[in-house]
Amino acid sequence: MSLDADQSSLGSPRDLPTTSEAAVGGSQLDENVHADDESGFSRVRGANKKTKEYALERSVEFRRLQELRKKGWESTEGDEHFKKQRNTADKASDKNARYFYRMVQTIGKDLHRFAKAFNIQRETDQPAILDMCMAPGGFVAYCLTKYPNARVKALSLPVEQGGHEVFLEHANVQVEFLDVTMLAGDMGITGDDIPAEHPDTRSFLLEKKFLEGEKFDLALCDGQVLRTHERLEWREPNEARRLTTTQLALSLEHLRQGGTMVILLHKLEAWGSLKLLNTLSKFSNVKVFKHRQHHAMRSSFYAIAKNVQADSELAARAVAEWKREWRIASLGTSDECAKAFQADSEDAEQLLDEFGERMIVLGKVVWSTQATALERASFMKRAQGSVTKNSGD
């Protein structure tokens, strides 16, 4: 599991971490990275400021969350808590990894109970499922309890490159171990498009991994950039964008009409997350889900896009845009990236005019769930105790 692009956001360099770290080394990119397009908070600082102000003015749940986030950022106990989690994650034992595998199955079960996220709409004896970043395989494992005859195509980062182990073994599951951010052929790139001076010329995968006309009923897009993934320096500024746009573009391009996409995001109120949710809402029915127990104090949540009109012109435009972004992030210069991925307050105002009210509705439970989890966190209680003791109360 793991994910982001121009779609996922955090806000301050220490919003309490993102998904899948606690157990097996997911990515604790700082929020600026996870949120704002990975290469620098300044690119979308104005847009994020505007969306945050909008939420603060209109949502009591968001105001409560922001107050608790501030306390968490100021807490040395919080720093220690998450530092310990990251150390445990990066050196995950087999026991911890298997715990995470079971935990993801639990999240999947509750995700389905809330939103019927894994229902296959068409009548078929063998539905097709795509998992863009499978390891450890918990979501697919749950899906197979519902559809034991399902055909599953899964991609996962090789363990030797820093990926996680896949624990699920099933005759109907075909796993290919590769770095999905390098699927150049499937993203519309040929060898002639890659500059000769590019530092990773030979790493791009020009042979397509998806067949022409290959379609899936359900697509899982929950990949995150992993700290354990060894990669060249050129990738760091835009790695999260490259990972997200690959997952989104190929999933939607190969989704059957009326199918479902399940997407991991961060910080619903941030520019990138809102932009993606708005895009999806134009050709699907969108719900959001945040688990009340697992990763509850983090900003992560799931977007479920159902009845996706994958054959529509709007969907085709989204695929083309995500492929364009991937191309710039993978092959463009730093100046080209800065120009392509920036957003200011005017951009945010336009988005909020169209999607702002919907943001407040979608965010209500997500923000409230994270706030409650932070409020109950042991390190927050210890921090409050220290303040009380030092004040003499």
Protein backbone atom coordinates (compact mmCIF):
# COMPACT_ATOMS: atom_id res chain seq x y z
CA MET A 1 0.00 0.00 0.00
CA SER A 2 0.98 3.60 -0.38
CA LEU A 3 -0.15 7.12 -2.67
CA ASP A 4 -0.26 10.80 -3.74
CA ALA A 5 0.28 13.36 -6.50
CA ASP A 6 -1.21 16.74 -7.00
CA GLN A 7 -3.93 15.12 -5.14
CA SER A 8 -2.72 14.52 -1.67
CA SER A 9 -1.84 17.10 0.87
CA LEU A 10 -0.68 17.77 4.32
CA GLY A 11 0.22 21.20 5.44
CA SER A 12 2.87 21.61 8.05
CA PRO A 13 6.08 19.68 8.19
CA ARG A 14 4.73 17.53 10.96
CA ASP A 15 1.09 16.64 10.55
CA LEU A 16 0.83 13.39 12.28
CA PRO A 17 2.00 10.75 9.87
CA THR A 18 0.36 9.09 6.93
CA THR A 19 -0.86 5.60 6.21
CA SER A 20 0.95 2.29 6.50
CA GLU A 21 3.94 3.54 8.46
CA ALA A 22 2.98 2.23 11.83
CA ALA A 23 3.48 -1.33 10.92
CA VAL A 24 5.65 -1.70 7.88
CA GLY A 25 7.45 1.31 6.65
CA GLY A 26 5.03 3.27 4.60
CA SER A 27 6.14 6.74 3.78
CA GLN A 28 6.43 9.45 6.35
CA LEU A 29 7.04 12.10 3.81
CA ASP A 30 6.60 15.35 5.64
CA GLU A 31 3.29 16.99 4.95
CA ASN A 32 4.74 19.55 2.64
CA VAL A 33 6.01 16.80 0.43
CA HIS A 34 2.99 14.56 0.67
CA ALA A 35 0.72 17.38 0.09
CA ASP A 36 2.01 19.87 -2.15
CA ASP A 37 3.28 18.07 -4.90
CA GLU A 38 6.30 16.65 -3.44
CA SER A 39 8.79 19.13 -4.73
CA GLY A 40 8.14 22.03 -2.54
CA PHE A 41 5.43 23.52 -0.43
CA SER A 42 5.88 26.88 -2.15
CA ARG A 43 4.39 25.60 -5.41
CA VAL A 44 0.90 25.46 -3.97
CA ARG A 45 1.27 27.47 -0.79
CA GLY A 46 -1.29 30.04 -1.89
CA ALA A 47 -3.83 27.41 -2.94
CA ASN A 48 -3.45 25.44 0.28
CA LYS A 49 -3.78 28.58 2.38
CA LYS A 50 -7.04 29.46 0.66
CA THR A 51 -8.60 25.99 0.98
CA LYS A 52 -7.59 25.81 4.63
CA GLU A 53 -9.11 29.22 5.36
CA TYR A 54 -12.33 28.15 3.65
CA ALA A 55 -12.56 25.04 5.84
CA LEU A 56 -11.74 26.96 9.01
CA GLU A 57 -14.53 29.45 8.33
CA ARG A 58 -17.18 26.82 7.62
CA SER A 59 -16.43 23.67 9.59
CA VAL A 60 -16.42 23.28 13.37
CA GLU A 61 -14.89 19.81 12.88
CA PHE A 62 -11.96 21.24 10.95
CA ARG A 63 -11.37 24.01 13.49
CA ARG A 64 -11.24 21.41 16.25
CA LEU A 65 -8.80 19.29 14.24
CA GLN A 66 -6.51 22.23 13.54
CA GLU A 67 -6.32 23.09 17.23
CA LEU A 68 -5.31 19.52 18.03
CA ARG A 69 -2.83 19.37 15.16
CA LYS A 70 -1.18 22.50 16.50
CA LYS A 71 -0.84 20.92 19.94
CA GLY A 72 0.59 17.80 18.32
CA TRP A 73 3.14 19.76 16.30
CA GLU A 74 4.27 21.53 19.46
CA SER A 75 4.54 18.31 21.44
CA THR A 76 7.95 16.72 21.95
CA GLU A 77 6.06 13.63 23.12
CA GLY A 78 4.39 13.49 19.72
CA ASP A 79 7.75 13.74 17.97
CA GLU A 80 9.07 10.82 20.01
CA HIS A 81 5.93 8.78 19.40
CA PHE A 82 6.13 9.01 15.62
CA LYS A 83 9.91 8.72 15.50
CA LYS A 84 9.59 5.40 17.30
CA GLN A 85 6.88 4.29 14.89
CA ARG A 86 9.03 5.17 11.88
CA ASN A 87 12.01 3.28 13.27
CA THR A 88 9.81 0.25 13.88
CA ALA A 89 8.35 0.56 10.40
CA ASP A 90 11.67 0.79 8.57
CA LYS A 91 13.00 -2.25 10.44
CA ALA A 92 9.74 -4.16 10.38
CA SER A 93 9.93 -7.71 11.67
CA ASP A 94 8.03 -10.54 10.02
CA LYS A 95 5.61 -10.41 12.94
CA ASN A 96 4.91 -6.70 12.41
CA ALA A 97 4.56 -7.15 8.67
CA ARG A 98 2.02 -9.92 9.11
CA TYR A 99 0.14 -7.79 11.62
CA PHE A 100 -0.06 -5.05 9.00
CA TYR A 101 -1.34 -7.57 6.44
CA ARG A 102 -4.17 -8.55 8.78
CA MET A 103 -4.82 -4.92 9.65
CA VAL A 104 -5.29 -3.98 5.99
CA GLN A 105 -7.80 -6.80 5.63
CA THR A 106 -9.72 -5.31 8.57
CA ILE A 107 -9.64 -1.87 6.97
CA GLY A 108 -10.88 -3.42 3.74
CA LYS A 109 -13.73 -5.18 5.51
CA ASP A 110 -14.87 -1.97 7.20
CA LEU A 111 -14.37 0.05 4.03
CA HIS A 112 -16.70 -2.32 2.24
CA ARG A 113 -19.21 -2.32 5.07
CA PHE A 114 -19.36 1.48 4.97
CA ALA A 115 -19.33 2.14 1.23
CA LYS A 116 -19.78 -1.25 -0.48
CA ALA A 117 -16.44 -0.34 -1.99
CA PHE A 118 -15.68 -3.76 -3.41
CA ASN A 119 -19.06 -4.58 -4.93
CA ILE A 120 -18.84 -5.65 -8.57
CA GLN A 121 -21.75 -4.09 -10.45
CA ARG A 122 -21.93 -6.34 -13.48
CA GLU A 123 -23.06 -9.95 -13.37
CA THR A 124 -20.06 -12.17 -13.96
CA ASP A 125 -18.59 -15.39 -12.65
CA GLN A 126 -15.07 -14.00 -12.75
CA PRO A 127 -14.70 -10.28 -12.01
CA ALA A 128 -11.37 -8.63 -12.77
CA ILE A 129 -9.47 -6.70 -10.10
CA LEU A 130 -6.40 -4.48 -10.50
CA ASP A 131 -4.13 -3.63 -7.57
CA MET A 132 -1.51 -1.07 -8.58
CA CYS A 133 0.59 -1.39 -5.39
CA MET A 134 -0.33 -4.70 -3.82
CA ALA A 135 2.03 -5.48 -0.92
CA PRO A 136 1.26 -6.90 1.52
CA GLY A 137 -2.01 -7.90 -0.19
CA GLY A 138 -4.65 -7.26 2.46
CA PHE A 139 -7.25 -5.60 0.24
CA VAL A 140 -7.01 -8.32 -2.41
CA ALA A 141 -7.25 -10.98 0.30
CA TYR A 142 -10.52 -9.44 1.50
CA CYS A 143 -11.86 -9.11 -2.06
CA LEU A 144 -11.21 -12.81 -2.64
CA THR A 145 -13.42 -13.68 0.34
CA LYS A 146 -16.25 -12.04 -1.60
CA TYR A 147 -15.23 -13.17 -5.08
CA PRO A 148 -13.15 -16.35 -4.81
CA ASN A 149 -13.15 -16.74 -8.61
CA ALA A 150 -11.94 -13.21 -9.29
CA ARG A 151 -9.00 -12.69 -11.62
CA VAL A 152 -6.44 -10.35 -10.03
CA LYS A 153 -3.65 -8.46 -11.77
CA ALA A 154 -1.30 -6.93 -9.21
CA LEU A 155 1.88 -4.87 -9.32
CA SER A 156 4.28 -4.43 -6.41
CA LEU A 157 7.71 -2.94 -5.78
CA PRO A 158 10.34 -5.70 -5.53
CA VAL A 159 11.59 -6.42 -2.02
CA GLU A 160 15.18 -5.98 -3.19
CA GLN A 161 14.31 -2.39 -4.18
CA GLY A 162 12.80 -1.64 -0.78
CA GLY A 163 9.29 -2.94 -1.34
CA HIS A 164 7.25 -4.97 1.15
CA GLU A 165 6.69 -8.68 1.08
CA VAL A 166 3.46 -9.97 -0.46
CA PHE A 167 1.86 -12.46 1.93
CA LEU A 168 -1.11 -13.45 -0.19
CA GLU A 169 -0.72 -16.53 -2.35
CA HIS A 170 -3.66 -17.46 -4.56
CA ALA A 171 -3.96 -19.24 -7.89
CA ASN A 172 -6.03 -16.42 -9.36
CA VAL A 173 -3.60 -13.66 -8.37
CA GLN A 174 -0.90 -12.71 -10.86
CA VAL A 175 1.72 -10.46 -9.26
CA GLU A 176 4.40 -8.68 -11.25
CA PHE A 177 7.17 -7.12 -9.22
CA LEU A 178 8.26 -3.80 -10.68
CA ASP A 179 8.43 -0.07 -10.00
CA VAL A 180 5.12 1.27 -11.32
CA THR A 181 6.48 4.81 -11.59
CA MET A 182 8.73 3.61 -14.42
CA LEU A 183 5.95 2.20 -16.66
CA ALA A 184 6.87 4.57 -19.47
CA GLY A 185 5.37 2.49 -22.28
CA ASP A 186 1.97 2.28 -20.65
CA MET A 187 2.12 6.01 -19.89
CA GLY A 188 2.54 6.78 -23.60
CA ILE A 189 6.31 7.24 -23.76
CA THR A 190 8.66 5.80 -26.37
CA GLY A 191 12.42 5.52 -26.26
CA ASP A 192 12.72 8.60 -28.47
CA ASP A 193 10.93 10.69 -25.84
CA ILE A 194 13.55 10.06 -23.16
CA PRO A 195 16.48 12.51 -23.29
CA ALA A 196 19.82 10.82 -23.81
CA GLU A 197 21.23 12.70 -20.82
CA HIS A 198 18.49 11.52 -18.46
CA PRO A 199 20.13 9.88 -15.39
CA ASP A 200 17.70 6.93 -15.42
CA THR A 201 17.39 6.23 -19.14
CA ARG A 202 17.70 2.46 -18.85
CA SER A 203 15.32 2.14 -15.92
CA PHE A 204 12.19 3.20 -17.79
CA LEU A 205 10.03 0.23 -18.81
CA LEU A 206 9.11 0.79 -22.45
CA GLU A 207 7.39 -2.56 -22.94
CA LYS A 208 3.71 -2.24 -22.07
CA LYS A 209 2.46 -4.32 -19.15
CA PHE A 210 -1.23 -3.75 -19.93
CA LEU A 211 -2.88 -5.31 -22.97
CA GLU A 212 -4.89 -3.24 -25.39
CA GLY A 213 -8.50 -3.36 -24.24
CA GLU A 214 -7.65 -5.02 -20.91
CA LYS A 215 -10.40 -4.02 -18.46
CA PHE A 216 -11.04 -4.35 -14.73
CA ASP A 217 -14.14 -4.04 -12.58
CA LEU A 218 -12.29 -2.74 -9.52
CA ALA A 219 -9.02 -0.80 -9.27
CA LEU A 220 -7.07 -0.28 -6.04
CA CYS A 221 -4.79 2.77 -5.92
CA ASP A 222 -3.28 2.94 -2.46
CA GLY A 223 0.44 3.12 -3.11
CA GLN A 224 2.68 5.49 -1.14
CA VAL A 225 6.29 6.49 -1.62
CA LEU A 226 8.37 4.28 0.66
CA ARG A 227 11.33 5.51 2.69
CA THR A 228 12.88 2.09 2.17
CA HIS A 229 12.80 2.43 -1.64
CA GLU A 230 16.28 3.20 -2.94
CA ARG A 231 16.14 5.60 -5.90
CA LEU A 232 18.26 8.22 -7.63
CA GLU A 233 18.22 11.80 -6.41
CA TRP A 234 16.41 13.21 -9.47
CA ARG A 235 13.25 11.39 -8.43
CA GLU A 236 12.84 12.85 -4.95
CA PRO A 237 11.13 16.19 -5.71
CA ASN A 238 8.29 14.63 -7.74
CA GLU A 239 8.23 10.97 -6.73
CA ALA A 240 4.83 11.10 -5.03
CA ARG A 241 3.29 12.79 -8.07
CA ARG A 242 4.81 10.21 -10.39
CA LEU A 243 3.47 7.37 -8.26
CA THR A 244 -0.03 8.80 -8.03
CA THR A 245 -0.44 9.80 -11.63
CA THR A 246 0.71 6.37 -12.78
CA GLN A 247 -1.81 4.63 -10.55
CA LEU A 248 -4.68 6.93 -11.48
CA ALA A 249 -4.03 7.06 -15.22
CA LEU A 250 -3.58 3.34 -15.78
CA SER A 251 -6.40 2.35 -13.43
CA LEU A 252 -8.95 4.64 -15.06
CA GLU A 253 -7.73 3.87 -18.57
CA HIS A 254 -8.27 0.16 -17.96
CA LEU A 255 -11.41 0.39 -15.82
CA ARG A 256 -14.61 -1.10 -17.13
CA GLN A 257 -17.56 1.26 -17.62
CA GLY A 258 -19.42 1.46 -14.28
CA GLY A 259 -16.44 0.13 -12.33
CA THR A 260 -15.00 1.27 -8.99
CA MET A 261 -11.74 2.93 -7.92
CA VAL A 262 -10.48 2.96 -4.32
CA ILE A 263 -7.83 5.62 -3.73
CA LEU A 264 -5.71 6.48 -0.70
CA LEU A 265 -5.37 10.22 -0.08
CA HIS A 266 -4.12 12.58 2.62
CA LYS A 267 -5.53 15.83 4.00
CA LEU A 268 -8.92 16.19 2.42
CA GLU A 269 -8.80 20.00 2.74
CA ALA A 270 -5.58 20.41 0.77
CA TRP A 271 -5.44 21.69 -2.79
CA GLY A 272 -4.29 18.44 -4.34
CA SER A 273 -6.86 16.23 -2.63
CA LEU A 274 -9.70 18.61 -3.48
CA LYS A 275 -8.62 18.87 -7.08
CA LEU A 276 -8.69 15.10 -7.47
CA LEU A 277 -12.00 14.64 -5.64
CA ASN A 278 -13.57 17.30 -7.85
CA THR A 279 -12.23 15.62 -10.98
CA LEU A 280 -13.56 12.21 -9.93
CA SER A 281 -16.94 13.70 -9.04
CA LYS A 282 -17.44 14.75 -12.65
CA PHE A 283 -17.69 11.17 -13.87
CA SER A 284 -18.37 9.00 -10.78
CA ASN A 285 -20.14 8.89 -7.44
CA VAL A 286 -17.60 9.73 -4.73
CA LYS A 287 -17.62 8.80 -1.06
CA VAL A 288 -14.84 9.07 1.51
CA PHE A 289 -13.92 6.80 4.39
CA LYS A 290 -11.56 7.08 7.35
CA HIS A 291 -11.09 4.16 9.71
CA ARG A 292 -11.84 4.98 13.34
CA GLN A 293 -9.15 2.68 14.72
CA HIS A 294 -6.32 2.09 12.27
CA HIS A 295 -4.26 5.18 11.33
CA ALA A 296 -7.06 7.29 12.80
CA MET A 297 -4.75 10.06 14.06
CA ARG A 298 -3.18 10.51 10.65
CA SER A 299 -4.48 12.62 7.80
CA SER A 300 -5.01 9.64 5.49
CA PHE A 301 -8.42 8.61 4.18
CA TYR A 302 -9.88 6.67 1.26
CA ALA A 303 -11.85 8.01 -1.67
CA ILE A 304 -14.26 5.53 -3.23
CA ALA A 305 -15.33 6.38 -6.79
CA LYS A 306 -18.27 4.19 -7.82
CA ASN A 307 -20.16 3.85 -11.10
CA VAL A 308 -17.19 5.39 -12.87
CA GLN A 309 -18.08 6.48 -16.39
CA ALA A 310 -14.74 5.27 -17.62
CA ASP A 311 -15.70 5.55 -21.30
CA SER A 312 -16.72 9.20 -21.01
CA GLU A 313 -14.89 12.16 -22.51
CA LEU A 314 -14.32 13.60 -19.03
CA ALA A 315 -12.58 10.40 -17.92
CA ALA A 316 -10.44 10.39 -21.06
CA ARG A 317 -9.38 13.97 -20.32
CA ALA A 318 -8.41 13.01 -16.78
CA VAL A 319 -6.27 10.13 -18.03
CA ALA A 320 -4.56 12.42 -20.55
CA GLU A 321 -3.88 15.05 -17.87
CA TRP A 322 -2.41 12.52 -15.43
CA LYS A 323 -0.17 11.14 -18.17
CA ARG A 324 0.93 14.68 -19.04
CA GLU A 325 1.82 15.35 -15.41
CA TRP A 326 3.77 12.08 -15.17
CA ARG A 327 5.70 12.95 -18.31
CA ILE A 328 6.69 16.38 -16.99
CA ALA A 329 7.57 15.01 -13.53
CA SER A 330 9.63 12.20 -15.08
CA LEU A 331 11.30 13.89 -18.03
CA GLY A 332 10.90 17.64 -17.52
CA THR A 333 13.34 20.16 -16.14
CA SER A 334 12.93 21.67 -12.69
CA ASP A 335 11.64 24.88 -14.30
CA GLU A 336 9.09 22.94 -16.33
CA CYS A 337 7.92 21.13 -13.21
CA ALA A 338 7.64 24.36 -11.23
CA LYS A 339 5.54 25.97 -13.96
CA ALA A 340 3.29 22.95 -14.51
CA PHE A 341 2.55 22.12 -10.88
CA GLN A 342 2.10 25.51 -9.24
CA ALA A 343 -1.26 26.73 -7.94
CA ASP A 344 -2.20 29.99 -6.24
CA SER A 345 -5.14 31.40 -4.31
CA GLU A 346 -7.02 32.26 -7.50
CA ASP A 347 -6.84 28.64 -8.62
CA ALA A 348 -8.15 27.60 -5.22
CA GLU A 349 -10.99 30.12 -5.34
CA GLN A 350 -12.18 28.72 -8.65
CA LEU A 351 -12.09 25.19 -7.26
CA LEU A 352 -13.88 26.19 -4.06
CA ASP A 353 -16.62 27.97 -6.02
CA GLU A 354 -17.30 24.64 -7.67
CA PHE A 355 -16.49 22.14 -4.93
CA GLY A 356 -16.20 24.00 -1.63
CA GLU A 357 -19.58 23.08 -0.19
CA ARG A 358 -19.01 19.46 -1.14
CA MET A 359 -15.62 19.57 0.63
CA ILE A 360 -17.28 20.58 3.89
CA VAL A 361 -19.78 17.72 3.62
CA LEU A 362 -17.13 15.13 2.75
CA GLY A 363 -14.69 16.40 5.35
CA LYS A 364 -17.05 16.34 8.31
CA VAL A 365 -16.51 12.72 9.37
CA VAL A 366 -12.88 12.52 8.15
CA TRP A 367 -11.81 15.56 10.20
CA SER A 368 -13.88 14.55 13.21
CA THR A 369 -12.41 11.04 13.21
CA GLN A 370 -8.82 12.30 13.12
CA ALA A 371 -9.52 14.92 15.78
CA THR A 372 -11.02 12.38 18.17
CA ALA A 373 -8.06 10.04 17.68
CA LEU A 374 -5.57 12.83 18.36
CA GLU A 375 -7.49 13.92 21.43
CA ARG A 376 -7.27 10.40 22.82
CA ALA A 377 -3.61 9.84 21.93
CA SER A 378 -1.44 9.03 24.92
CA PHE A 379 1.28 11.49 23.90
CA MET A 380 -1.28 14.30 23.74
CA LYS A 381 -2.47 13.48 27.25
CA ARG A 382 1.11 13.39 28.51
CA ALA A 383 1.81 16.73 26.85
CA GLN A 384 -1.27 18.25 28.46
CA GLY A 385 -0.19 16.84 31.80
CA SER A 386 3.21 18.50 31.46
CA VAL A 387 1.60 21.84 30.66
CA THR A 388 -0.70 21.57 33.68
CA LYS A 389 2.16 20.59 36.00
CA ASN A 390 4.43 23.36 34.78
CA SER A 391 1.68 25.95 35.14
CA GLY A 392 1.18 24.98 38.78
CA ASP A 393 -2.47 23.99 38.32
